[in-house]
Amino acid sequence: MCRLLGWAAATRCSAADLLDGHLTGFADLSERHADGWGAAFARGGDPEVVKEPVAARTSPVFESAMHKPAPAAMVHLRWATGGLPVLPVNTHPFVRDGLAFAHNGHVQDMQRIESLIDVAVVGEPLGDTDSERYFLAVLTQLRRGARPAEALASVATSLSGSPSTSLNCLLVTPEQLVAVCRHDPALLPPHEVPDYFHLGAERVIGADGATRAVLIGSSGVLPDAGEPVPALSSGPLDASWIAGRRTIPNGFALIVDRAYLRTELVALDV
């Protein structure tokens, strides 16, 4: 299980810009989520990836990466599940075809998720994780012509009934940032709060009233509502459901258009 942070922005900005004084609190989450960290920065072409199989709070590289600006990016703090090795190859995000992907959860049935991968189309996994296989299953659908949200929904539907704590994930494409919230409330990690798998989203509004960014994060990652990320009371874009801090509903995907920062909420089960 892990923590996720992602954003799409009108201009390049960093995690430090968006989290402001809460960056230290984000790093402190790696006291428990201590099995590696990684970030992917989408700046045109293939995303730039920086990652290490160490706790973020112990890494000077993490501090530097959190000040790296990009128009879209994701950050992942890993808590390895099921004894999977803590290795660079198992550290999120995973990148192929100009895409970046990070997962928070555990799909227990590896055979089932592997059955969704066409290795002739996407190749073999490089590491040991269910998360990389989840990405390759999504990539299989994308290479067959599905749109990102369609690919994610198809894989989620195919895994229905298979034991999994959560399919929560972030996917960055050249055109979109997509966040999936799909989890089983009955399968929380031991001693965790009920909203552990919740994903939140908020618009960041500039002084001129224009949308500066759309920020997405796991519970515990985003600062308290309105501090320092201001709640949206009005704005030029039609996305009223995301006014202020909102939880992405379980069973839905949030699609962010990177060019215009328009948002769309779509059900995964259609």
C-alpha atoms as a PDB file:
ATOM      1  CA  MET A   1       0.000   0.000   0.000  1.00  0.00           C
ATOM      2  CA  CYS A   2       1.211   3.471  -0.807  1.00  0.00           C
ATOM      3  CA  ARG A   3       0.563   7.215  -0.990  1.00  0.00           C
ATOM      4  CA  LEU A   4      -0.121   9.094  -4.215  1.00  0.00           C
ATOM      5  CA  LEU A   5       0.251  12.723  -5.256  1.00  0.00           C
ATOM      6  CA  GLY A   6      -0.401  14.031  -8.759  1.00  0.00           C
ATOM      7  CA  TRP A   7      -1.067  17.291 -10.525  1.00  0.00           C
ATOM      8  CA  ALA A   8      -1.754  18.918 -13.859  1.00  0.00           C
ATOM      9  CA  ALA A   9      -0.996  22.623 -14.088  1.00  0.00           C
ATOM     10  CA  ALA A  10      -1.354  25.597 -16.408  1.00  0.00           C
ATOM     11  CA  THR A  11       2.365  26.319 -16.027  1.00  0.00           C
ATOM     12  CA  ARG A  12       5.207  24.314 -14.596  1.00  0.00           C
ATOM     13  CA  CYS A  13       5.052  23.949 -10.836  1.00  0.00           C
ATOM     14  CA  SER A  14       6.543  21.619  -8.253  1.00  0.00           C
ATOM     15  CA  ALA A  15       5.247  19.561  -5.365  1.00  0.00           C
ATOM     16  CA  ALA A  16       6.899  22.087  -3.043  1.00  0.00           C
ATOM     17  CA  ASP A  17       4.959  24.894  -4.742  1.00  0.00           C
ATOM     18  CA  LEU A  18       1.648  23.076  -4.352  1.00  0.00           C
ATOM     19  CA  LEU A  19       2.107  21.677  -0.851  1.00  0.00           C
ATOM     20  CA  ASP A  20       3.898  24.746   0.471  1.00  0.00           C
ATOM     21  CA  GLY A  21       4.708  24.222   4.165  1.00  0.00           C
ATOM     22  CA  HIS A  22       3.171  20.745   4.131  1.00  0.00           C
ATOM     23  CA  LEU A  23       6.016  19.160   2.150  1.00  0.00           C
ATOM     24  CA  THR A  24       7.686  17.936   5.345  1.00  0.00           C
ATOM     25  CA  GLY A  25       4.440  16.285   6.422  1.00  0.00           C
ATOM     26  CA  PHE A  26       4.272  14.523   3.065  1.00  0.00           C
ATOM     27  CA  ALA A  27       7.812  13.198   3.500  1.00  0.00           C
ATOM     28  CA  ASP A  28       6.955  12.071   7.028  1.00  0.00           C
ATOM     29  CA  LEU A  29       4.372   9.669   5.584  1.00  0.00           C
ATOM     30  CA  SER A  30       7.353   7.582   4.467  1.00  0.00           C
ATOM     31  CA  GLU A  31       7.974   6.591   8.066  1.00  0.00           C
ATOM     32  CA  ARG A  32       5.392   3.886   7.377  1.00  0.00           C
ATOM     33  CA  HIS A  33       5.474   3.988   3.562  1.00  0.00           C
ATOM     34  CA  ALA A  34       9.205   3.392   3.725  1.00  0.00           C
ATOM     35  CA  ASP A  35       9.890   0.935   0.893  1.00  0.00           C
ATOM     36  CA  GLY A  36      10.867   3.398  -1.794  1.00  0.00           C
ATOM     37  CA  TRP A  37       9.696   6.566  -3.474  1.00  0.00           C
ATOM     38  CA  GLY A  38       9.476   7.746  -7.038  1.00  0.00           C
ATOM     39  CA  ALA A  39       8.333  10.655  -9.168  1.00  0.00           C
ATOM     40  CA  ALA A  40       7.552  11.108 -12.855  1.00  0.00           C
ATOM     41  CA  PHE A  41       7.634  14.523 -14.532  1.00  0.00           C
ATOM     42  CA  ALA A  42       5.806  14.986 -17.842  1.00  0.00           C
ATOM     43  CA  ARG A  43       7.526  17.745 -19.776  1.00  0.00           C
ATOM     44  CA  GLY A  44       7.089  16.513 -23.335  1.00  0.00           C
ATOM     45  CA  GLY A  45       8.328  13.215 -24.730  1.00  0.00           C
ATOM     46  CA  ASP A  46       8.840  10.382 -22.277  1.00  0.00           C
ATOM     47  CA  PRO A  47       8.286  11.348 -18.634  1.00  0.00           C
ATOM     48  CA  GLU A  48      11.422  11.886 -16.601  1.00  0.00           C
ATOM     49  CA  VAL A  49      11.545   9.429 -13.696  1.00  0.00           C
ATOM     50  CA  VAL A  50      13.459   9.765 -10.442  1.00  0.00           C
ATOM     51  CA  LYS A  51      13.115   6.952  -7.914  1.00  0.00           C
ATOM     52  CA  GLU A  52      14.954   5.141  -5.129  1.00  0.00           C
ATOM     53  CA  PRO A  53      14.218   2.017  -3.057  1.00  0.00           C
ATOM     54  CA  VAL A  54      14.639   3.962   0.200  1.00  0.00           C
ATOM     55  CA  ALA A  55      12.355   5.956   2.483  1.00  0.00           C
ATOM     56  CA  ALA A  56      11.669   9.442   1.109  1.00  0.00           C
ATOM     57  CA  ARG A  57      12.336  11.121   4.469  1.00  0.00           C
ATOM     58  CA  THR A  58      15.927   9.789   4.462  1.00  0.00           C
ATOM     59  CA  SER A  59      16.722  10.863   0.897  1.00  0.00           C
ATOM     60  CA  PRO A  60      18.266  14.190  -0.162  1.00  0.00           C
ATOM     61  CA  VAL A  61      17.305  13.251  -3.737  1.00  0.00           C
ATOM     62  CA  PHE A  62      13.630  13.292  -2.704  1.00  0.00           C
ATOM     63  CA  GLU A  63      13.921  16.841  -1.390  1.00  0.00           C
ATOM     64  CA  SER A  64      15.470  17.955  -4.677  1.00  0.00           C
ATOM     65  CA  ALA A  65      12.828  16.153  -6.755  1.00  0.00           C
ATOM     66  CA  MET A  66      10.006  17.830  -4.849  1.00  0.00           C
ATOM     67  CA  HIS A  67      11.288  21.197  -6.118  1.00  0.00           C
ATOM     68  CA  LYS A  68      11.405  20.043  -9.754  1.00  0.00           C
ATOM     69  CA  PRO A  69       8.745  21.889 -11.807  1.00  0.00           C
ATOM     70  CA  ALA A  70       6.558  20.227 -14.440  1.00  0.00           C
ATOM     71  CA  PRO A  71       3.160  20.852 -16.064  1.00  0.00           C
ATOM     72  CA  ALA A  72       2.075  17.369 -14.948  1.00  0.00           C
ATOM     73  CA  ALA A  73       3.647  14.934 -12.520  1.00  0.00           C
ATOM     74  CA  MET A  74       3.082  12.198  -9.966  1.00  0.00           C
ATOM     75  CA  VAL A  75       4.837  11.181  -6.749  1.00  0.00           C
ATOM     76  CA  HIS A  76       4.562   7.768  -5.075  1.00  0.00           C
ATOM     77  CA  LEU A  77       5.571   6.593  -1.582  1.00  0.00           C
ATOM     78  CA  ARG A  78       5.766   2.799  -1.475  1.00  0.00           C
ATOM     79  CA  TRP A  79       4.730   0.409   1.279  1.00  0.00           C
ATOM     80  CA  ALA A  80       5.622  -2.981  -0.178  1.00  0.00           C
ATOM     81  CA  THR A  81       2.860  -5.579   0.041  1.00  0.00           C
ATOM     82  CA  GLY A  82       3.162  -9.304   0.613  1.00  0.00           C
ATOM     83  CA  GLY A  83       6.917  -9.370   1.082  1.00  0.00           C
ATOM     84  CA  LEU A  84       7.682  -8.140  -2.454  1.00  0.00           C
ATOM     85  CA  PRO A  85      11.349  -7.121  -2.745  1.00  0.00           C
ATOM     86  CA  VAL A  86      12.384  -3.514  -2.188  1.00  0.00           C
ATOM     87  CA  LEU A  87      14.283  -2.983  -5.435  1.00  0.00           C
ATOM     88  CA  PRO A  88      14.546  -0.200  -8.032  1.00  0.00           C
ATOM     89  CA  VAL A  89      12.668  -2.313 -10.581  1.00  0.00           C
ATOM     90  CA  ASN A  90       9.716  -2.642  -8.172  1.00  0.00           C
ATOM     91  CA  THR A  91       9.618   1.068  -7.325  1.00  0.00           C
ATOM     92  CA  HIS A  92       6.842   3.187  -8.839  1.00  0.00           C
ATOM     93  CA  PRO A  93       6.143   5.023 -11.126  1.00  0.00           C
ATOM     94  CA  PHE A  94       6.365   2.703 -14.115  1.00  0.00           C
ATOM     95  CA  VAL A  95       6.951   4.347 -17.508  1.00  0.00           C
ATOM     96  CA  ARG A  96       6.369   3.129 -21.066  1.00  0.00           C
ATOM     97  CA  ASP A  97       5.089   4.644 -24.309  1.00  0.00           C
ATOM     98  CA  GLY A  98       5.255   8.176 -22.954  1.00  0.00           C
ATOM     99  CA  LEU A  99       3.002   7.208 -20.021  1.00  0.00           C
ATOM    100  CA  ALA A 100       3.618   7.134 -16.276  1.00  0.00           C
ATOM    101  CA  PHE A 101       1.671   4.976 -13.814  1.00  0.00           C
ATOM    102  CA  ALA A 102       1.593   4.520 -10.033  1.00  0.00           C
ATOM    103  CA  HIS A 103      -0.670   2.287  -7.932  1.00  0.00           C
ATOM    104  CA  ASN A 104      -1.856   2.223  -4.323  1.00  0.00           C
ATOM    105  CA  GLY A 105      -3.186  -1.196  -3.398  1.00  0.00           C
ATOM    106  CA  HIS A 106      -2.668  -4.913  -3.820  1.00  0.00           C
ATOM    107  CA  VAL A 107      -4.127  -7.315  -6.379  1.00  0.00           C
ATOM    108  CA  GLN A 108      -3.704 -10.727  -4.793  1.00  0.00           C
ATOM    109  CA  ASP A 109      -4.497 -12.911  -7.818  1.00  0.00           C
ATOM    110  CA  MET A 110      -1.357 -12.493  -9.934  1.00  0.00           C
ATOM    111  CA  GLN A 111      -2.473 -15.174 -12.373  1.00  0.00           C
ATOM    112  CA  ARG A 112      -5.691 -13.313 -13.090  1.00  0.00           C
ATOM    113  CA  ILE A 113      -4.051  -9.968 -13.697  1.00  0.00           C
ATOM    114  CA  GLU A 114      -1.365 -11.593 -15.853  1.00  0.00           C
ATOM    115  CA  SER A 115      -4.122 -13.068 -18.009  1.00  0.00           C
ATOM    116  CA  LEU A 116      -5.030  -9.478 -18.987  1.00  0.00           C
ATOM    117  CA  ILE A 117      -1.548  -8.769 -20.382  1.00  0.00           C
ATOM    118  CA  ASP A 118      -0.737  -9.432 -24.033  1.00  0.00           C
ATOM    119  CA  VAL A 119       3.035  -9.888 -23.778  1.00  0.00           C
ATOM    120  CA  ALA A 120       3.305  -9.936 -27.564  1.00  0.00           C
ATOM    121  CA  VAL A 121       1.980  -6.370 -27.509  1.00  0.00           C
ATOM    122  CA  VAL A 122       3.540  -4.873 -24.356  1.00  0.00           C
ATOM    123  CA  GLY A 123       6.354  -7.240 -23.418  1.00  0.00           C
ATOM    124  CA  GLU A 124       7.119  -9.043 -20.160  1.00  0.00           C
ATOM    125  CA  PRO A 125       7.091  -7.396 -16.730  1.00  0.00           C
ATOM    126  CA  LEU A 126      10.516  -6.307 -15.544  1.00  0.00           C
ATOM    127  CA  GLY A 127       9.826  -6.659 -11.812  1.00  0.00           C
ATOM    128  CA  ASP A 128       7.838  -8.660  -9.285  1.00  0.00           C
ATOM    129  CA  THR A 129       4.879  -6.446  -8.459  1.00  0.00           C
ATOM    130  CA  ASP A 130       1.176  -6.742  -9.127  1.00  0.00           C
ATOM    131  CA  SER A 131       1.279  -2.974  -9.726  1.00  0.00           C
ATOM    132  CA  GLU A 132       3.518  -3.251 -12.791  1.00  0.00           C
ATOM    133  CA  ARG A 133       1.241  -5.993 -14.107  1.00  0.00           C
ATOM    134  CA  TYR A 134      -1.763  -3.735 -13.526  1.00  0.00           C
ATOM    135  CA  PHE A 135      -0.028  -1.103 -15.661  1.00  0.00           C
ATOM    136  CA  LEU A 136       0.762  -3.614 -18.411  1.00  0.00           C
ATOM    137  CA  ALA A 137      -2.873  -4.773 -18.433  1.00  0.00           C
ATOM    138  CA  VAL A 138      -3.944  -1.146 -18.920  1.00  0.00           C
ATOM    139  CA  LEU A 139      -1.243  -0.643 -21.555  1.00  0.00           C
ATOM    140  CA  THR A 140      -2.513  -3.719 -23.422  1.00  0.00           C
ATOM    141  CA  GLN A 141      -5.933  -2.054 -23.725  1.00  0.00           C
ATOM    142  CA  LEU A 142      -4.389   1.265 -24.765  1.00  0.00           C
ATOM    143  CA  ARG A 143      -2.385  -0.361 -27.550  1.00  0.00           C
ATOM    144  CA  ARG A 144      -5.587  -2.003 -28.753  1.00  0.00           C
ATOM    145  CA  GLY A 145      -7.105   1.452 -29.215  1.00  0.00           C
ATOM    146  CA  ALA A 146      -8.896   2.172 -25.932  1.00  0.00           C
ATOM    147  CA  ARG A 147      -8.845   5.633 -24.433  1.00  0.00           C
ATOM    148  CA  PRO A 148      -7.139   5.934 -21.025  1.00  0.00           C
ATOM    149  CA  ALA A 149     -10.328   5.938 -18.924  1.00  0.00           C
ATOM    150  CA  GLU A 150     -11.763   3.115 -21.048  1.00  0.00           C
ATOM    151  CA  ALA A 151      -8.605   1.050 -20.571  1.00  0.00           C
ATOM    152  CA  LEU A 152      -8.637   1.575 -16.809  1.00  0.00           C
ATOM    153  CA  ALA A 153     -12.352   0.762 -16.605  1.00  0.00           C
ATOM    154  CA  SER A 154     -11.894  -2.391 -18.690  1.00  0.00           C
ATOM    155  CA  VAL A 155      -9.152  -3.700 -16.400  1.00  0.00           C
ATOM    156  CA  ALA A 156     -11.136  -2.792 -13.275  1.00  0.00           C
ATOM    157  CA  THR A 157     -14.166  -4.660 -14.627  1.00  0.00           C
ATOM    158  CA  SER A 158     -12.042  -7.684 -15.539  1.00  0.00           C
ATOM    159  CA  LEU A 159     -10.696  -7.795 -11.975  1.00  0.00           C
ATOM    160  CA  SER A 160     -14.141  -7.565 -10.364  1.00  0.00           C
ATOM    161  CA  GLY A 161     -14.514 -10.334  -7.813  1.00  0.00           C
ATOM    162  CA  SER A 162     -10.769 -10.867  -7.571  1.00  0.00           C
ATOM    163  CA  PRO A 163      -9.403 -10.182  -4.075  1.00  0.00           C
ATOM    164  CA  SER A 164      -7.758  -6.762  -4.133  1.00  0.00           C
ATOM    165  CA  THR A 165      -7.484  -4.064  -1.521  1.00  0.00           C
ATOM    166  CA  SER A 166      -7.473  -1.249  -4.047  1.00  0.00           C
ATOM    167  CA  LEU A 167      -7.025  -0.393  -7.721  1.00  0.00           C
ATOM    168  CA  ASN A 168      -6.370   3.267  -6.894  1.00  0.00           C
ATOM    169  CA  CYS A 169      -3.883   4.680  -9.362  1.00  0.00           C
ATOM    170  CA  LEU A 170      -2.611   7.691 -11.261  1.00  0.00           C
ATOM    171  CA  LEU A 171      -1.933   7.637 -15.008  1.00  0.00           C
ATOM    172  CA  VAL A 172      -0.255  10.507 -16.840  1.00  0.00           C
ATOM    173  CA  THR A 173      -0.550  10.638 -20.629  1.00  0.00           C
ATOM    174  CA  PRO A 174       0.526  13.442 -22.996  1.00  0.00           C
ATOM    175  CA  GLU A 175      -3.060  14.766 -22.910  1.00  0.00           C
ATOM    176  CA  GLN A 176      -4.500  13.729 -19.540  1.00  0.00           C
ATOM    177  CA  LEU A 177      -3.997  13.026 -15.869  1.00  0.00           C
ATOM    178  CA  VAL A 178      -6.347  10.225 -14.787  1.00  0.00           C
ATOM    179  CA  ALA A 179      -6.976   9.171 -11.192  1.00  0.00           C
ATOM    180  CA  VAL A 180      -8.851   5.950 -10.377  1.00  0.00           C
ATOM    181  CA  CYS A 181     -10.562   5.405  -7.030  1.00  0.00           C
ATOM    182  CA  ARG A 182     -11.624   1.754  -6.715  1.00  0.00           C
ATOM    183  CA  HIS A 183     -11.164   0.010  -3.370  1.00  0.00           C
ATOM    184  CA  ASP A 184     -12.721  -2.471  -0.965  1.00  0.00           C
ATOM    185  CA  PRO A 185     -13.453  -0.765   2.384  1.00  0.00           C
ATOM    186  CA  ALA A 186     -13.435  -4.199   4.058  1.00  0.00           C
ATOM    187  CA  LEU A 187      -9.761  -4.757   3.183  1.00  0.00           C
ATOM    188  CA  LEU A 188      -8.041  -1.884   4.962  1.00  0.00           C
ATOM    189  CA  PRO A 189      -4.438  -2.357   6.087  1.00  0.00           C
ATOM    190  CA  PRO A 190      -4.167  -3.232   9.793  1.00  0.00           C
ATOM    191  CA  HIS A 191      -4.580  -0.292  12.178  1.00  0.00           C
ATOM    192  CA  GLU A 192      -5.372   2.165   9.376  1.00  0.00           C
ATOM    193  CA  VAL A 193      -8.057   4.857   9.391  1.00  0.00           C
ATOM    194  CA  PRO A 194     -11.278   4.221   7.418  1.00  0.00           C
ATOM    195  CA  ASP A 195     -10.381   6.790   4.745  1.00  0.00           C
ATOM    196  CA  TYR A 196      -6.967   5.243   3.998  1.00  0.00           C
ATOM    197  CA  PHE A 197      -7.884   4.523   0.366  1.00  0.00           C
ATOM    198  CA  HIS A 198      -9.760   7.766  -0.245  1.00  0.00           C
ATOM    199  CA  LEU A 199      -8.483  10.041  -3.019  1.00  0.00           C
ATOM    200  CA  GLY A 200      -9.023  13.789  -2.813  1.00  0.00           C
ATOM    201  CA  ALA A 201      -8.951  16.437  -5.526  1.00  0.00           C
ATOM    202  CA  GLU A 202      -8.901  20.207  -5.501  1.00  0.00           C
ATOM    203  CA  ARG A 203      -8.444  23.114  -7.865  1.00  0.00           C
ATOM    204  CA  VAL A 204      -5.641  25.525  -7.072  1.00  0.00           C
ATOM    205  CA  ILE A 205      -6.793  29.050  -7.931  1.00  0.00           C
ATOM    206  CA  GLY A 206      -4.427  31.926  -8.654  1.00  0.00           C
ATOM    207  CA  ALA A 207      -4.816  35.521  -7.503  1.00  0.00           C
ATOM    208  CA  ASP A 208      -6.460  36.358 -10.835  1.00  0.00           C
ATOM    209  CA  GLY A 209      -9.173  33.744 -10.250  1.00  0.00           C
ATOM    210  CA  ALA A 210      -7.887  31.416 -12.965  1.00  0.00           C
ATOM    211  CA  THR A 211      -7.204  27.742 -12.339  1.00  0.00           C
ATOM    212  CA  ARG A 212      -3.528  27.212 -11.631  1.00  0.00           C
ATOM    213  CA  ALA A 213      -3.613  23.439 -11.194  1.00  0.00           C
ATOM    214  CA  VAL A 214      -5.704  20.408 -10.341  1.00  0.00           C
ATOM    215  CA  LEU A 215      -4.154  18.569  -7.416  1.00  0.00           C
ATOM    216  CA  ILE A 216      -4.920  14.927  -6.498  1.00  0.00           C
ATOM    217  CA  GLY A 217      -3.735  13.054  -3.433  1.00  0.00           C
ATOM    218  CA  SER A 218      -4.260  10.101  -1.129  1.00  0.00           C
ATOM    219  CA  SER A 219      -5.628  10.741   2.346  1.00  0.00           C
ATOM    220  CA  GLY A 220      -2.926  12.269   4.506  1.00  0.00           C
ATOM    221  CA  VAL A 221      -1.103  13.747   1.509  1.00  0.00           C
ATOM    222  CA  LEU A 222      -3.047  16.928   0.798  1.00  0.00           C
ATOM    223  CA  PRO A 223      -3.018  19.611   3.495  1.00  0.00           C
ATOM    224  CA  ASP A 224      -6.202  20.484   5.330  1.00  0.00           C
ATOM    225  CA  ALA A 225      -8.815  21.966   3.019  1.00  0.00           C
ATOM    226  CA  GLY A 226      -7.986  25.539   2.111  1.00  0.00           C
ATOM    227  CA  GLU A 227      -4.526  25.481   3.706  1.00  0.00           C
ATOM    228  CA  PRO A 228      -2.554  26.371   1.692  1.00  0.00           C
ATOM    229  CA  VAL A 229      -4.513  25.113  -1.326  1.00  0.00           C
ATOM    230  CA  PRO A 230      -7.433  27.574  -1.595  1.00  0.00           C
ATOM    231  CA  ALA A 231     -10.913  26.167  -2.060  1.00  0.00           C
ATOM    232  CA  LEU A 232     -12.650  27.019  -5.326  1.00  0.00           C
ATOM    233  CA  SER A 233     -15.630  29.296  -4.758  1.00  0.00           C
ATOM    234  CA  SER A 234     -16.005  30.314  -8.391  1.00  0.00           C
ATOM    235  CA  GLY A 235     -14.019  29.816 -11.549  1.00  0.00           C
ATOM    236  CA  PRO A 236     -14.092  29.865 -15.331  1.00  0.00           C
ATOM    237  CA  LEU A 237     -14.278  26.103 -15.809  1.00  0.00           C
ATOM    238  CA  ASP A 238     -17.294  23.839 -15.579  1.00  0.00           C
ATOM    239  CA  ALA A 239     -16.325  21.463 -12.787  1.00  0.00           C
ATOM    240  CA  SER A 240     -18.473  22.481  -9.858  1.00  0.00           C
ATOM    241  CA  TRP A 241     -18.279  19.054  -8.200  1.00  0.00           C
ATOM    242  CA  ILE A 242     -14.613  19.686  -7.440  1.00  0.00           C
ATOM    243  CA  ALA A 243     -15.306  22.976  -5.648  1.00  0.00           C
ATOM    244  CA  GLY A 244     -13.151  22.957  -2.550  1.00  0.00           C
ATOM    245  CA  ARG A 245     -11.671  19.690  -1.314  1.00  0.00           C
ATOM    246  CA  ARG A 246     -13.659  16.691  -2.500  1.00  0.00           C
ATOM    247  CA  THR A 247     -13.220  12.944  -2.289  1.00  0.00           C
ATOM    248  CA  ILE A 248     -13.254  11.154  -5.632  1.00  0.00           C
ATOM    249  CA  PRO A 249     -16.114   8.650  -5.213  1.00  0.00           C
ATOM    250  CA  ASN A 250     -15.253   4.985  -4.905  1.00  0.00           C
ATOM    251  CA  GLY A 251     -15.799   3.343  -8.299  1.00  0.00           C
ATOM    252  CA  PHE A 252     -15.013   6.469 -10.333  1.00  0.00           C
ATOM    253  CA  ALA A 253     -12.180   7.956 -12.354  1.00  0.00           C
ATOM    254  CA  LEU A 254     -11.316  11.639 -12.488  1.00  0.00           C
ATOM    255  CA  ILE A 255     -10.048  12.742 -15.903  1.00  0.00           C
ATOM    256  CA  VAL A 256      -8.085  16.006 -16.084  1.00  0.00           C
ATOM    257  CA  ASP A 257      -7.531  17.586 -19.497  1.00  0.00           C
ATOM    258  CA  ARG A 258      -3.962  18.824 -19.223  1.00  0.00           C
ATOM    259  CA  ALA A 259      -4.359  21.537 -21.896  1.00  0.00           C
ATOM    260  CA  TYR A 260      -7.372  23.303 -20.372  1.00  0.00           C
ATOM    261  CA  LEU A 261      -7.578  21.757 -16.862  1.00  0.00           C
ATOM    262  CA  ARG A 262     -11.158  20.698 -17.505  1.00  0.00           C
ATOM    263  CA  THR A 263     -12.240  17.771 -15.346  1.00  0.00           C
ATOM    264  CA  GLU A 264     -14.655  14.912 -15.909  1.00  0.00           C
ATOM    265  CA  LEU A 265     -15.836  12.319 -13.407  1.00  0.00           C
ATOM    266  CA  VAL A 266     -16.748   8.967 -14.984  1.00  0.00           C
ATOM    267  CA  ALA A 267     -18.017   5.688 -13.509  1.00  0.00           C
ATOM    268  CA  LEU A 268     -15.709   2.696 -13.932  1.00  0.00           C
ATOM    269  CA  ASP A 269     -18.639   0.274 -14.198  1.00  0.00           C
ATOM    270  CA  VAL A 270     -20.607   1.075 -17.332  1.00  0.00           C
END
